[in-house]
């Protein structure tokens, strides 16, 4: 059995994002590209974003710190610490309103 502190990892990744050239940092904590289920903590500095991309399967974003906006076309959802956003099966983007970290959970289709 493994145990991870997502709070501590979010702090670590936010510090790394602050010194990166693109304002982002991420680490997969469970699974990987070869697995069906994957959990990745993603940190974004205020104003940074993940450009529009496809959803590889069922996915959620659990906000660990800060505030993010997930957008699909003209529709958007804002999430703050503790919120869980179900990511639609559509191209979408994520923008950090303030320094933020979230747990991305993806269950890829087979």
PDB file of N, CA and C in Angstrom:
ATOM      1  N   UNK A   1       0.844  -1.174   0.000  1.00  0.00           N
ATOM      2  CA  UNK A   1       0.000   0.000   0.000  1.00  0.00           C
ATOM      3  C   UNK A   1       0.890   1.237   0.000  1.00  0.00           C
ATOM      4  N   UNK A   2       0.456   2.234  -0.712  1.00  0.00           N
ATOM      5  CA  UNK A   2       1.180   3.503  -0.758  1.00  0.00           C
ATOM      6  C   UNK A   2       0.288   4.609  -0.241  1.00  0.00           C
ATOM      7  N   UNK A   3       0.907   5.609   0.357  1.00  0.00           N
ATOM      8  CA  UNK A   3       0.172   6.778   0.834  1.00  0.00           C
ATOM      9  C   UNK A   3       0.924   8.011   0.366  1.00  0.00           C
ATOM     10  N   UNK A   4       0.174   8.991  -0.131  1.00  0.00           N
ATOM     11  CA  UNK A   4       0.771  10.240  -0.610  1.00  0.00           C
ATOM     12  C   UNK A   4       0.018  11.414  -0.011  1.00  0.00           C
ATOM     13  N   UNK A   5       0.741  12.480   0.302  1.00  0.00           N
ATOM     14  CA  UNK A   5       0.098  13.717   0.730  1.00  0.00           C
ATOM     15  C   UNK A   5      -0.074  14.597  -0.499  1.00  0.00           C
ATOM     16  N   UNK A   6      -1.313  14.706  -0.967  1.00  0.00           N
ATOM     17  CA  UNK A   6      -1.575  15.548  -2.129  1.00  0.00           C
ATOM     18  C   UNK A   6      -1.379  17.023  -1.785  1.00  0.00           C
ATOM     19  N   UNK A   7      -1.617  17.382  -0.526  1.00  0.00           N
ATOM     20  CA  UNK A   7      -1.412  18.761  -0.082  1.00  0.00           C
ATOM     21  C   UNK A   7       0.062  19.139  -0.191  1.00  0.00           C
ATOM     22  N   UNK A   8       0.937  18.256   0.295  1.00  0.00           N
ATOM     23  CA  UNK A   8       2.378  18.516   0.229  1.00  0.00           C
ATOM     24  C   UNK A   8       2.856  18.527  -1.219  1.00  0.00           C
ATOM     25  N   UNK A   9       2.354  17.594  -2.029  1.00  0.00           N
ATOM     26  CA  UNK A   9       2.748  17.553  -3.434  1.00  0.00           C
ATOM     27  C   UNK A   9       2.268  18.802  -4.167  1.00  0.00           C
ATOM     28  N   UNK A  10       1.064  19.269  -3.856  1.00  0.00           N
ATOM     29  CA  UNK A  10       0.556  20.496  -4.482  1.00  0.00           C
ATOM     30  C   UNK A  10       1.466  21.677  -4.155  1.00  0.00           C
ATOM     31  N   UNK A  11       1.891  21.794  -2.891  1.00  0.00           N
ATOM     32  CA  UNK A  11       2.817  22.881  -2.501  1.00  0.00           C
ATOM     33  C   UNK A  11       4.127  22.777  -3.277  1.00  0.00           C
ATOM     34  N   UNK A  12       4.666  21.563  -3.369  1.00  0.00           N
ATOM     35  CA  UNK A  12       5.930  21.344  -4.081  1.00  0.00           C
ATOM     36  C   UNK A  12       5.797  21.712  -5.560  1.00  0.00           C
ATOM     37  N   UNK A  13       4.704  21.289  -6.179  1.00  0.00           N
ATOM     38  CA  UNK A  13       4.517  21.566  -7.600  1.00  0.00           C
ATOM     39  C   UNK A  13       4.222  23.035  -7.869  1.00  0.00           C
ATOM     40  N   UNK A  14       3.521  23.712  -6.945  1.00  0.00           N
ATOM     41  CA  UNK A  14       3.296  25.152  -7.107  1.00  0.00           C
ATOM     42  C   UNK A  14       4.620  25.908  -7.064  1.00  0.00           C
ATOM     43  N   UNK A  15       5.533  25.486  -6.194  1.00  0.00           N
ATOM     44  CA  UNK A  15       6.862  26.107  -6.138  1.00  0.00           C
ATOM     45  C   UNK A  15       7.612  25.856  -7.442  1.00  0.00           C
ATOM     46  N   UNK A  16       7.508  24.637  -7.980  1.00  0.00           N
ATOM     47  CA  UNK A  16       8.173  24.313  -9.240  1.00  0.00           C
ATOM     48  C   UNK A  16       7.550  25.101 -10.399  1.00  0.00           C
ATOM     49  N   UNK A  17       6.234  25.240 -10.400  1.00  0.00           N
ATOM     50  CA  UNK A  17       5.551  25.987 -11.465  1.00  0.00           C
ATOM     51  C   UNK A  17       5.979  27.451 -11.458  1.00  0.00           C
ATOM     52  N   UNK A  18       6.201  27.995 -10.254  1.00  0.00           N
ATOM     53  CA  UNK A  18       6.588  29.411 -10.126  1.00  0.00           C
ATOM     54  C   UNK A  18       7.949  29.687 -10.764  1.00  0.00           C
ATOM     55  N   UNK A  19       8.796  28.670 -10.852  1.00  0.00           N
ATOM     56  CA  UNK A  19      10.129  28.873 -11.426  1.00  0.00           C
ATOM     57  C   UNK A  19      10.255  28.310 -12.839  1.00  0.00           C
ATOM     58  N   UNK A  20       9.178  27.703 -13.344  1.00  0.00           N
ATOM     59  CA  UNK A  20       9.240  27.149 -14.703  1.00  0.00           C
ATOM     60  C   UNK A  20       8.937  28.249 -15.715  1.00  0.00           C
ATOM     61  N   UNK A  21       9.333  28.027 -16.933  1.00  0.00           N
ATOM     62  CA  UNK A  21       9.110  29.014 -17.978  1.00  0.00           C
ATOM     63  C   UNK A  21       7.662  29.137 -18.418  1.00  0.00           C
ATOM     64  N   UNK A  22       6.868  28.090 -18.182  1.00  0.00           N
ATOM     65  CA  UNK A  22       5.481  28.107 -18.656  1.00  0.00           C
ATOM     66  C   UNK A  22       4.450  28.189 -17.527  1.00  0.00           C
ATOM     67  N   UNK A  23       4.903  28.298 -16.277  1.00  0.00           N
ATOM     68  CA  UNK A  23       3.976  28.427 -15.159  1.00  0.00           C
ATOM     69  C   UNK A  23       3.239  27.152 -14.818  1.00  0.00           C
ATOM     70  N   UNK A  24       3.803  25.998 -15.210  1.00  0.00           N
ATOM     71  CA  UNK A  24       3.141  24.721 -14.971  1.00  0.00           C
ATOM     72  C   UNK A  24       4.111  23.700 -14.409  1.00  0.00           C
ATOM     73  N   UNK A  25       3.566  22.763 -13.641  1.00  0.00           N
ATOM     74  CA  UNK A  25       4.316  21.605 -13.171  1.00  0.00           C
ATOM     75  C   UNK A  25       3.307  20.503 -12.893  1.00  0.00           C
ATOM     76  N   UNK A  26       3.723  19.254 -13.080  1.00  0.00           N
ATOM     77  CA  UNK A  26       2.801  18.137 -12.871  1.00  0.00           C
ATOM     78  C   UNK A  26       3.568  16.883 -12.492  1.00  0.00           C
ATOM     79  N   UNK A  27       2.868  15.995 -11.785  1.00  0.00           N
ATOM     80  CA  UNK A  27       3.444  14.695 -11.463  1.00  0.00           C
ATOM     81  C   UNK A  27       2.312  13.678 -11.383  1.00  0.00           C
ATOM     82  N   UNK A  28       2.492  12.549 -12.076  1.00  0.00           N
ATOM     83  CA  UNK A  28       1.538  11.454 -11.987  1.00  0.00           C
ATOM     84  C   UNK A  28       1.831  10.689 -10.707  1.00  0.00           C
ATOM     85  N   UNK A  29       0.793  10.503  -9.893  1.00  0.00           N
ATOM     86  CA  UNK A  29       0.976   9.829  -8.600  1.00  0.00           C
ATOM     87  C   UNK A  29       0.469   8.396  -8.615  1.00  0.00           C
ATOM     88  N   UNK A  30      -0.438   8.081  -9.515  1.00  0.00           N
ATOM     89  CA  UNK A  30      -0.959   6.715  -9.659  1.00  0.00           C
ATOM     90  C   UNK A  30      -1.182   6.464 -11.139  1.00  0.00           C
ATOM     91  N   UNK A  31      -0.802   5.284 -11.598  1.00  0.00           N
ATOM     92  CA  UNK A  31      -1.047   4.917 -12.991  1.00  0.00           C
ATOM     93  C   UNK A  31      -0.028   5.525 -13.916  1.00  0.00           C
ATOM     94  N   UNK A  32      -0.430   5.724 -15.134  1.00  0.00           N
ATOM     95  CA  UNK A  32       0.447   6.264 -16.157  1.00  0.00           C
ATOM     96  C   UNK A  32      -0.219   6.086 -17.499  1.00  0.00           C
ATOM     97  N   UNK A  33       0.462   6.438 -18.558  1.00  0.00           N
ATOM     98  CA  UNK A  33      -0.136   6.376 -19.893  1.00  0.00           C
ATOM     99  C   UNK A  33      -0.495   4.948 -20.294  1.00  0.00           C
ATOM    100  N   UNK A  34       0.188   3.963 -19.743  1.00  0.00           N
ATOM    101  CA  UNK A  34      -0.083   2.573 -20.097  1.00  0.00           C
ATOM    102  C   UNK A  34      -1.210   1.955 -19.259  1.00  0.00           C
ATOM    103  N   UNK A  35      -1.740   2.691 -18.294  1.00  0.00           N
ATOM    104  CA  UNK A  35      -2.797   2.188 -17.404  1.00  0.00           C
ATOM    105  C   UNK A  35      -4.139   2.815 -17.758  1.00  0.00           C
ATOM    106  N   UNK A  36      -5.210   2.196 -17.325  1.00  0.00           N
ATOM    107  CA  UNK A  36      -6.547   2.741 -17.563  1.00  0.00           C
ATOM    108  C   UNK A  36      -6.807   3.920 -16.638  1.00  0.00           C
ATOM    109  N   UNK A  37      -6.466   3.778 -15.351  1.00  0.00           N
ATOM    110  CA  UNK A  37      -6.713   4.827 -14.364  1.00  0.00           C
ATOM    111  C   UNK A  37      -5.426   5.596 -14.111  1.00  0.00           C
ATOM    112  N   UNK A  38      -5.537   6.937 -14.123  1.00  0.00           N
ATOM    113  CA  UNK A  38      -4.353   7.769 -13.879  1.00  0.00           C
ATOM    114  C   UNK A  38      -4.752   8.958 -13.014  1.00  0.00           C
ATOM    115  N   UNK A  39      -3.945   9.233 -11.974  1.00  0.00           N
ATOM    116  CA  UNK A  39      -4.104  10.412 -11.115  1.00  0.00           C
ATOM    117  C   UNK A  39      -2.858  11.273 -11.275  1.00  0.00           C
ATOM    118  N   UNK A  40      -3.050  12.524 -11.659  1.00  0.00           N
ATOM    119  CA  UNK A  40      -1.932  13.445 -11.849  1.00  0.00           C
ATOM    120  C   UNK A  40      -2.239  14.753 -11.132  1.00  0.00           C
ATOM    121  N   UNK A  41      -1.296  15.227 -10.324  1.00  0.00           N
ATOM    122  CA  UNK A  41      -1.440  16.543  -9.705  1.00  0.00           C
ATOM    123  C   UNK A  41      -0.809  17.553 -10.657  1.00  0.00           C
ATOM    124  N   UNK A  42      -1.578  18.587 -10.985  1.00  0.00           N
ATOM    125  CA  UNK A  42      -1.136  19.634 -11.906  1.00  0.00           C
ATOM    126  C   UNK A  42      -1.175  20.972 -11.173  1.00  0.00           C
ATOM    127  N   UNK A  43      -0.095  21.723 -11.248  1.00  0.00           N
ATOM    128  CA  UNK A  43      -0.019  23.053 -10.634  1.00  0.00           C
ATOM    129  C   UNK A  43       0.142  24.088 -11.738  1.00  0.00           C
ATOM    130  N   UNK A  44      -0.606  25.182 -11.606  1.00  0.00           N
ATOM    131  CA  UNK A  44      -0.548  26.285 -12.556  1.00  0.00           C
ATOM    132  C   UNK A  44      -0.431  27.592 -11.790  1.00  0.00           C
ATOM    133  N   UNK A  45       0.461  28.471 -12.224  1.00  0.00           N
ATOM    134  CA  UNK A  45       0.522  29.798 -11.620  1.00  0.00           C
ATOM    135  C   UNK A  45      -0.624  30.650 -12.168  1.00  0.00           C
ATOM    136  N   UNK A  46      -0.964  31.703 -11.452  1.00  0.00           N
ATOM    137  CA  UNK A  46      -2.072  32.576 -11.855  1.00  0.00           C
ATOM    138  C   UNK A  46      -1.906  33.011 -13.306  1.00  0.00           C
ATOM    139  N   UNK A  47      -2.963  32.839 -14.099  1.00  0.00           N
ATOM    140  CA  UNK A  47      -2.943  33.231 -15.499  1.00  0.00           C
ATOM    141  C   UNK A  47      -2.427  32.169 -16.452  1.00  0.00           C
ATOM    142  N   UNK A  48      -1.783  31.129 -15.915  1.00  0.00           N
ATOM    143  CA  UNK A  48      -1.284  30.052 -16.776  1.00  0.00           C
ATOM    144  C   UNK A  48      -2.441  29.153 -17.176  1.00  0.00           C
ATOM    145  N   UNK A  49      -2.234  28.424 -18.272  1.00  0.00           N
ATOM    146  CA  UNK A  49      -3.328  27.564 -18.717  1.00  0.00           C
ATOM    147  C   UNK A  49      -2.825  26.313 -19.407  1.00  0.00           C
ATOM    148  N   UNK A  50      -3.727  25.343 -19.476  1.00  0.00           N
ATOM    149  CA  UNK A  50      -3.545  24.181 -20.332  1.00  0.00           C
ATOM    150  C   UNK A  50      -4.394  24.477 -21.562  1.00  0.00           C
ATOM    151  N   UNK A  51      -3.749  24.644 -22.705  1.00  0.00           N
ATOM    152  CA  UNK A  51      -4.476  24.964 -23.934  1.00  0.00           C
ATOM    153  C   UNK A  51      -5.517  23.894 -24.233  1.00  0.00           C
ATOM    154  N   UNK A  52      -6.434  24.236 -25.095  1.00  0.00           N
ATOM    155  CA  UNK A  52      -7.499  23.317 -25.465  1.00  0.00           C
ATOM    156  C   UNK A  52      -6.917  21.981 -25.917  1.00  0.00           C
ATOM    157  N   UNK A  53      -7.496  20.905 -25.383  1.00  0.00           N
ATOM    158  CA  UNK A  53      -7.033  19.554 -25.702  1.00  0.00           C
ATOM    159  C   UNK A  53      -8.194  18.579 -25.586  1.00  0.00           C
ATOM    160  N   UNK A  54      -8.009  17.385 -26.140  1.00  0.00           N
ATOM    161  CA  UNK A  54      -9.034  16.354 -26.093  1.00  0.00           C
ATOM    162  C   UNK A  54      -9.061  15.681 -24.725  1.00  0.00           C
ATOM    163  N   UNK A  55     -10.205  15.129 -24.397  1.00  0.00           N
ATOM    164  CA  UNK A  55     -10.369  14.350 -23.181  1.00  0.00           C
ATOM    165  C   UNK A  55     -10.140  12.883 -23.553  1.00  0.00           C
ATOM    166  N   UNK A  56      -9.136  12.215 -22.963  1.00  0.00           N
ATOM    167  CA  UNK A  56      -8.819  10.840 -23.372  1.00  0.00           C
ATOM    168  C   UNK A  56      -9.755   9.788 -22.775  1.00  0.00           C
ATOM    169  N   UNK A  57     -10.688  10.183 -21.932  1.00  0.00           N
ATOM    170  CA  UNK A  57     -11.603   9.228 -21.298  1.00  0.00           C
ATOM    171  C   UNK A  57     -12.405   9.940 -20.235  1.00  0.00           C
ATOM    172  N   UNK A  58     -13.070   9.180 -19.366  1.00  0.00           N
ATOM    173  CA  UNK A  58     -13.781   9.817 -18.265  1.00  0.00           C
ATOM    174  C   UNK A  58     -12.765  10.517 -17.373  1.00  0.00           C
ATOM    175  N   UNK A  59     -13.087  11.758 -16.962  1.00  0.00           N
ATOM    176  CA  UNK A  59     -12.100  12.525 -16.202  1.00  0.00           C
ATOM    177  C   UNK A  59     -12.774  13.495 -15.243  1.00  0.00           C
ATOM    178  N   UNK A  60     -12.064  13.765 -14.136  1.00  0.00           N
ATOM    179  CA  UNK A  60     -12.498  14.770 -13.173  1.00  0.00           C
ATOM    180  C   UNK A  60     -11.293  15.607 -12.764  1.00  0.00           C
ATOM    181  N   UNK A  61     -11.571  16.810 -12.292  1.00  0.00           N
ATOM    182  CA  UNK A  61     -10.546  17.693 -11.729  1.00  0.00           C
ATOM    183  C   UNK A  61     -10.992  18.039 -10.310  1.00  0.00           C
ATOM    184  N   UNK A  62     -10.203  17.654  -9.314  1.00  0.00           N
ATOM    185  CA  UNK A  62     -10.484  17.960  -7.907  1.00  0.00           C
ATOM    186  C   UNK A  62      -9.511  19.072  -7.508  1.00  0.00           C
ATOM    187  N   UNK A  63     -10.039  20.249  -7.242  1.00  0.00           N
ATOM    188  CA  UNK A  63      -9.190  21.403  -6.942  1.00  0.00           C
ATOM    189  C   UNK A  63      -8.620  21.260  -5.536  1.00  0.00           C
ATOM    190  N   UNK A  64      -7.290  21.262  -5.446  1.00  0.00           N
ATOM    191  CA  UNK A  64      -6.584  21.123  -4.167  1.00  0.00           C
ATOM    192  C   UNK A  64      -6.235  22.480  -3.568  1.00  0.00           C
ATOM    193  N   UNK A  65      -5.996  23.470  -4.418  1.00  0.00           N
ATOM    194  CA  UNK A  65      -5.623  24.819  -3.967  1.00  0.00           C
ATOM    195  C   UNK A  65      -5.950  25.805  -5.066  1.00  0.00           C
ATOM    196  N   UNK A  66      -6.327  27.016  -4.685  1.00  0.00           N
ATOM    197  CA  UNK A  66      -6.564  28.073  -5.655  1.00  0.00           C
ATOM    198  C   UNK A  66      -7.914  27.965  -6.342  1.00  0.00           C
ATOM    199  N   UNK A  67      -7.973  28.578  -7.542  1.00  0.00           N
ATOM    200  CA  UNK A  67      -9.200  28.581  -8.361  1.00  0.00           C
ATOM    201  C   UNK A  67      -8.830  28.369  -9.811  1.00  0.00           C
ATOM    202  N   UNK A  68      -9.586  27.515 -10.485  1.00  0.00           N
ATOM    203  CA  UNK A  68      -9.375  27.249 -11.904  1.00  0.00           C
ATOM    204  C   UNK A  68     -10.691  27.451 -12.656  1.00  0.00           C
ATOM    205  N   UNK A  69     -10.558  27.649 -13.956  1.00  0.00           N
ATOM    206  CA  UNK A  69     -11.721  27.699 -14.837  1.00  0.00           C
ATOM    207  C   UNK A  69     -11.497  26.666 -15.922  1.00  0.00           C
ATOM    208  N   UNK A  70     -12.453  25.754 -16.068  1.00  0.00           N
ATOM    209  CA  UNK A  70     -12.440  24.766 -17.129  1.00  0.00           C
ATOM    210  C   UNK A  70     -13.442  25.241 -18.173  1.00  0.00           C
ATOM    211  N   UNK A  71     -13.002  25.333 -19.419  1.00  0.00           N
ATOM    212  CA  UNK A  71     -13.865  25.876 -20.471  1.00  0.00           C
ATOM    213  C   UNK A  71     -13.993  24.906 -21.640  1.00  0.00           C
ATOM    214  N   UNK A  72     -15.217  24.805 -22.130  1.00  0.00           N
ATOM    215  CA  UNK A  72     -15.540  24.057 -23.344  1.00  0.00           C
ATOM    216  C   UNK A  72     -16.278  25.037 -24.243  1.00  0.00           C
ATOM    217  N   UNK A  73     -15.586  25.533 -25.263  1.00  0.00           N
ATOM    218  CA  UNK A  73     -16.197  26.543 -26.114  1.00  0.00           C
ATOM    219  C   UNK A  73     -16.562  27.772 -25.294  1.00  0.00           C
ATOM    220  N   UNK A  74     -17.830  28.192 -25.367  1.00  0.00           N
ATOM    221  CA  UNK A  74     -18.296  29.377 -24.642  1.00  0.00           C
ATOM    222  C   UNK A  74     -18.813  29.054 -23.240  1.00  0.00           C
ATOM    223  N   UNK A  75     -18.783  27.792 -22.841  1.00  0.00           N
ATOM    224  CA  UNK A  75     -19.285  27.377 -21.531  1.00  0.00           C
ATOM    225  C   UNK A  75     -18.095  27.138 -20.614  1.00  0.00           C
ATOM    226  N   UNK A  76     -18.189  27.628 -19.367  1.00  0.00           N
ATOM    227  CA  UNK A  76     -17.082  27.421 -18.424  1.00  0.00           C
ATOM    228  C   UNK A  76     -17.613  27.131 -17.031  1.00  0.00           C
ATOM    229  N   UNK A  77     -16.772  26.475 -16.246  1.00  0.00           N
ATOM    230  CA  UNK A  77     -17.063  26.150 -14.855  1.00  0.00           C
ATOM    231  C   UNK A  77     -15.878  26.595 -14.023  1.00  0.00           C
ATOM    232  N   UNK A  78     -16.141  27.281 -12.927  1.00  0.00           N
ATOM    233  CA  UNK A  78     -15.070  27.695 -12.019  1.00  0.00           C
ATOM    234  C   UNK A  78     -15.065  26.753 -10.821  1.00  0.00           C
ATOM    235  N   UNK A  79     -13.884  26.365 -10.420  1.00  0.00           N
ATOM    236  CA  UNK A  79     -13.741  25.498  -9.254  1.00  0.00           C
ATOM    237  C   UNK A  79     -12.737  26.081  -8.293  1.00  0.00           C
ATOM    238  N   UNK A  80     -13.027  25.959  -7.004  1.00  0.00           N
ATOM    239  CA  UNK A  80     -12.091  26.392  -5.964  1.00  0.00           C
ATOM    240  C   UNK A  80     -11.813  25.207  -5.035  1.00  0.00           C
ATOM    241  N   UNK A  81     -10.899  25.410  -4.098  1.00  0.00           N
ATOM    242  CA  UNK A  81     -10.434  24.321  -3.230  1.00  0.00           C
ATOM    243  C   UNK A  81     -11.594  23.475  -2.724  1.00  0.00           C
ATOM    244  N   UNK A  82     -11.475  22.173  -2.945  1.00  0.00           N
ATOM    245  CA  UNK A  82     -12.478  21.227  -2.512  1.00  0.00           C
ATOM    246  C   UNK A  82     -13.504  20.879  -3.571  1.00  0.00           C
ATOM    247  N   UNK A  83     -13.586  21.666  -4.645  1.00  0.00           N
ATOM    248  CA  UNK A  83     -14.567  21.396  -5.700  1.00  0.00           C
ATOM    249  C   UNK A  83     -14.094  20.264  -6.608  1.00  0.00           C
ATOM    250  N   UNK A  84     -15.065  19.498  -7.101  1.00  0.00           N
ATOM    251  CA  UNK A  84     -14.811  18.431  -8.068  1.00  0.00           C
ATOM    252  C   UNK A  84     -15.565  18.784  -9.343  1.00  0.00           C
ATOM    253  N   UNK A  85     -14.833  18.899 -10.440  1.00  0.00           N
ATOM    254  CA  UNK A  85     -15.435  19.223 -11.727  1.00  0.00           C
ATOM    255  C   UNK A  85     -15.379  17.972 -12.598  1.00  0.00           C
ATOM    256  N   UNK A  86     -16.527  17.547 -13.113  1.00  0.00           N
ATOM    257  CA  UNK A  86     -16.564  16.447 -14.069  1.00  0.00           C
ATOM    258  C   UNK A  86     -16.243  17.052 -15.439  1.00  0.00           C
ATOM    259  N   UNK A  87     -15.204  16.550 -16.059  1.00  0.00           N
ATOM    260  CA  UNK A  87     -14.739  17.106 -17.325  1.00  0.00           C
ATOM    261  C   UNK A  87     -15.549  16.490 -18.468  1.00  0.00           C
ATOM    262  N   UNK A  88     -16.196  17.334 -19.273  1.00  0.00           N
ATOM    263  CA  UNK A  88     -17.017  16.817 -20.372  1.00  0.00           C
ATOM    264  C   UNK A  88     -16.181  16.084 -21.418  1.00  0.00           C
ATOM    265  N   UNK A  89     -16.836  15.224 -22.164  1.00  0.00           N
ATOM    266  CA  UNK A  89     -16.183  14.500 -23.261  1.00  0.00           C
ATOM    267  C   UNK A  89     -16.098  15.433 -24.472  1.00  0.00           C
ATOM    268  N   UNK A  90     -15.292  16.452 -24.344  1.00  0.00           N
ATOM    269  CA  UNK A  90     -15.144  17.448 -25.411  1.00  0.00           C
ATOM    270  C   UNK A  90     -13.795  18.134 -25.252  1.00  0.00           C
ATOM    271  N   UNK A  91     -13.350  18.794 -26.307  1.00  0.00           N
ATOM    272  CA  UNK A  91     -12.110  19.573 -26.207  1.00  0.00           C
ATOM    273  C   UNK A  91     -12.331  20.654 -25.161  1.00  0.00           C
ATOM    274  N   UNK A  92     -11.319  20.891 -24.334  1.00  0.00           N
ATOM    275  CA  UNK A  92     -11.462  21.833 -23.232  1.00  0.00           C
ATOM    276  C   UNK A  92     -10.108  22.431 -22.885  1.00  0.00           C
ATOM    277  N   UNK A  93     -10.150  23.519 -22.116  1.00  0.00           N
ATOM    278  CA  UNK A  93      -8.937  24.160 -21.607  1.00  0.00           C
ATOM    279  C   UNK A  93      -9.111  24.400 -20.120  1.00  0.00           C
ATOM    280  N   UNK A  94      -7.992  24.620 -19.435  1.00  0.00           N
ATOM    281  CA  UNK A  94      -8.013  24.931 -18.003  1.00  0.00           C
ATOM    282  C   UNK A  94      -7.136  26.150 -17.785  1.00  0.00           C
ATOM    283  N   UNK A  95      -7.665  27.145 -17.064  1.00  0.00           N
ATOM    284  CA  UNK A  95      -6.928  28.364 -16.749  1.00  0.00           C
ATOM    285  C   UNK A  95      -6.917  28.561 -15.242  1.00  0.00           C
ATOM    286  N   UNK A  96      -5.770  28.952 -14.705  1.00  0.00           N
ATOM    287  CA  UNK A  96      -5.661  29.245 -13.275  1.00  0.00           C
ATOM    288  C   UNK A  96      -6.024  30.705 -13.031  1.00  0.00           C
ATOM    289  N   UNK A  97      -7.041  30.939 -12.215  1.00  0.00           N
ATOM    290  CA  UNK A  97      -7.434  32.298 -11.840  1.00  0.00           C
ATOM    291  C   UNK A  97      -6.410  32.852 -10.853  1.00  0.00           C
ATOM    292  N   UNK A  98      -5.905  31.989 -10.000  1.00  0.00           N
ATOM    293  CA  UNK A  98      -4.827  32.309  -9.050  1.00  0.00           C
ATOM    294  C   UNK A  98      -3.935  31.087  -8.999  1.00  0.00           C
ATOM    295  N   UNK A  99      -2.796  31.164  -8.305  1.00  0.00           N
ATOM    296  CA  UNK A  99      -1.940  29.988  -8.196  1.00  0.00           C
ATOM    297  C   UNK A  99      -2.805  28.822  -7.733  1.00  0.00           C
ATOM    298  N   UNK A 100      -2.778  27.722  -8.489  1.00  0.00           N
ATOM    299  CA  UNK A 100      -3.724  26.627  -8.263  1.00  0.00           C
ATOM    300  C   UNK A 100      -3.072  25.275  -8.480  1.00  0.00           C
ATOM    301  N   UNK A 101      -3.654  24.270  -7.820  1.00  0.00           N
ATOM    302  CA  UNK A 101      -3.261  22.880  -8.041  1.00  0.00           C
ATOM    303  C   UNK A 101      -4.529  22.043  -8.031  1.00  0.00           C
ATOM    304  N   UNK A 102      -4.559  21.038  -8.912  1.00  0.00           N
ATOM    305  CA  UNK A 102      -5.714  20.148  -8.938  1.00  0.00           C
ATOM    306  C   UNK A 102      -5.273  18.730  -9.243  1.00  0.00           C
ATOM    307  N   UNK A 103      -6.094  17.788  -8.794  1.00  0.00           N
ATOM    308  CA  UNK A 103      -5.858  16.372  -9.048  1.00  0.00           C
ATOM    309  C   UNK A 103      -6.695  15.990 -10.258  1.00  0.00           C
ATOM    310  N   UNK A 104      -6.034  15.655 -11.348  1.00  0.00           N
ATOM    311  CA  UNK A 104      -6.697  15.190 -12.553  1.00  0.00           C
ATOM    312  C   UNK A 104      -6.790  13.676 -12.474  1.00  0.00           C
ATOM    313  N   UNK A 105      -7.999  13.153 -12.548  1.00  0.00           N
ATOM    314  CA  UNK A 105      -8.215  11.718 -12.555  1.00  0.00           C
ATOM    315  C   UNK A 105      -8.807  11.352 -13.904  1.00  0.00           C
ATOM    316  N   UNK A 106      -8.160  10.405 -14.584  1.00  0.00           N
ATOM    317  CA  UNK A 106      -8.615   9.978 -15.906  1.00  0.00           C
ATOM    318  C   UNK A 106      -8.728   8.463 -15.918  1.00  0.00           C
ATOM    319  N   UNK A 107      -9.872   7.976 -16.412  1.00  0.00           N
ATOM    320  CA  UNK A 107     -10.065   6.557 -16.690  1.00  0.00           C
ATOM    321  C   UNK A 107     -10.214   6.459 -18.204  1.00  0.00           C
ATOM    322  N   UNK A 108      -9.134   6.061 -18.859  1.00  0.00           N
ATOM    323  CA  UNK A 108      -9.132   6.021 -20.327  1.00  0.00           C
ATOM    324  C   UNK A 108      -9.973   4.860 -20.831  1.00  0.00           C
ATOM    325  N   UNK A 109     -10.611   5.093 -21.967  1.00  0.00           N
ATOM    326  CA  UNK A 109     -11.312   4.004 -22.624  1.00  0.00           C
ATOM    327  C   UNK A 109     -10.317   2.975 -23.112  1.00  0.00           C
ATOM    328  N   UNK A 110     -10.750   1.765 -23.262  1.00  0.00           N
ATOM    329  CA  UNK A 110      -9.838   0.699 -23.705  1.00  0.00           C
ATOM    330  C   UNK A 110      -9.627   0.731 -25.193  1.00  0.00           C
TER     331      UNK A 110
END
